[in-house]
């Protein structure tokens, strides 16, 4: 397993808001993420993966709350939509 020094930077981010971190990552996994994401750099691939992870977690939390607010569970809501 190779060790990569990854400088994680958001476009237009200010240097005081960035953190340089040493990560040990499986080379094949990092390569797959870079290829799938279309990122030009390894840093870009890691940032993209992190952004998508956070977005997915927030979306899952929101979806879990939506059904509760209407007196129907998310599972029941999905089931009723399939019946159409």
Protein backbone atom coordinates (compact mmCIF):
# COMPACT_ATOMS: atom_id res chain seq x y z
CA UNK A 1 0.00 0.00 0.00
CA UNK A 2 1.41 3.37 -1.02
CA UNK A 3 1.23 6.50 1.09
CA UNK A 4 0.02 9.61 -0.68
CA UNK A 5 0.40 13.16 0.55
CA UNK A 6 -2.89 14.75 -0.34
CA UNK A 7 -3.43 18.48 -0.17
CA UNK A 8 -7.22 18.74 0.07
CA UNK A 9 -8.34 22.04 -1.41
CA UNK A 10 -11.69 23.34 -2.46
CA UNK A 11 -11.70 25.64 -5.47
CA UNK A 12 -11.71 29.25 -4.26
CA UNK A 13 -11.02 28.12 -0.69
CA UNK A 14 -8.82 30.25 1.52
CA UNK A 15 -5.61 28.61 2.79
CA UNK A 16 -6.61 29.16 6.43
CA UNK A 17 -9.67 26.91 5.85
CA UNK A 18 -7.64 24.02 4.42
CA UNK A 19 -5.83 21.20 6.16
CA UNK A 20 -2.89 19.27 4.80
CA UNK A 21 -3.30 15.65 5.85
CA UNK A 22 -1.33 12.47 5.45
CA UNK A 23 -3.63 9.60 4.52
CA UNK A 24 -2.87 5.97 3.87
CA UNK A 25 -5.25 4.83 1.16
CA UNK A 26 -5.51 1.69 -0.95
CA UNK A 27 -4.06 2.66 -4.33
CA UNK A 28 -6.66 0.72 -6.33
CA UNK A 29 -9.57 2.31 -4.43
CA UNK A 30 -8.16 5.80 -4.88
CA UNK A 31 -7.61 5.10 -8.58
CA UNK A 32 -11.20 3.89 -8.98
CA UNK A 33 -12.58 6.97 -7.21
CA UNK A 34 -10.46 9.23 -9.37
CA UNK A 35 -11.57 7.46 -12.56
CA UNK A 36 -15.28 7.35 -11.65
CA UNK A 37 -15.38 10.94 -10.39
CA UNK A 38 -13.43 12.28 -13.34
CA UNK A 39 -11.19 14.18 -10.93
CA UNK A 40 -7.93 15.40 -12.40
CA UNK A 41 -6.03 14.85 -9.15
CA UNK A 42 -6.03 12.47 -6.22
CA UNK A 43 -6.93 15.37 -3.94
CA UNK A 44 -9.89 16.17 -6.15
CA UNK A 45 -11.02 12.54 -6.00
CA UNK A 46 -10.87 12.51 -2.19
CA UNK A 47 -12.73 15.83 -1.92
CA UNK A 48 -15.42 14.61 -4.34
CA UNK A 49 -15.86 11.37 -2.40
CA UNK A 50 -16.11 13.26 0.89
CA UNK A 51 -18.64 15.75 -0.51
CA UNK A 52 -20.80 12.93 -1.90
CA UNK A 53 -20.63 11.02 1.38
CA UNK A 54 -21.77 14.06 3.37
CA UNK A 55 -24.54 14.84 0.87
CA UNK A 56 -25.81 11.23 0.92
CA UNK A 57 -25.84 11.11 4.74
CA UNK A 58 -27.76 14.41 4.94
CA UNK A 59 -30.22 13.24 2.30
CA UNK A 60 -30.81 9.92 4.08
CA UNK A 61 -31.45 11.77 7.36
CA UNK A 62 -33.88 14.11 5.63
CA UNK A 63 -35.70 11.24 3.92
CA UNK A 64 -36.03 9.50 7.28
CA UNK A 65 -37.64 12.60 8.77
CA UNK A 66 -40.04 13.36 5.93
CA UNK A 67 -42.24 10.32 6.51
CA UNK A 68 -42.46 10.96 10.26
CA UNK A 69 -43.79 14.48 9.79
CA UNK A 70 -46.84 13.34 7.82
CA UNK A 71 -47.99 10.50 10.10
CA UNK A 72 -46.77 7.93 7.59
CA UNK A 73 -43.46 6.14 7.50
CA UNK A 74 -41.05 6.51 4.60
CA UNK A 75 -41.56 2.84 3.79
CA UNK A 76 -45.33 3.32 3.58
CA UNK A 77 -44.92 6.46 1.51
CA UNK A 78 -42.70 4.65 -1.01
CA UNK A 79 -45.16 1.73 -1.11
CA UNK A 80 -48.10 4.05 -1.83
CA UNK A 81 -46.17 5.78 -4.63
CA UNK A 82 -45.52 2.44 -6.34
CA UNK A 83 -49.25 1.69 -6.33
CA UNK A 84 -49.70 5.05 -8.03
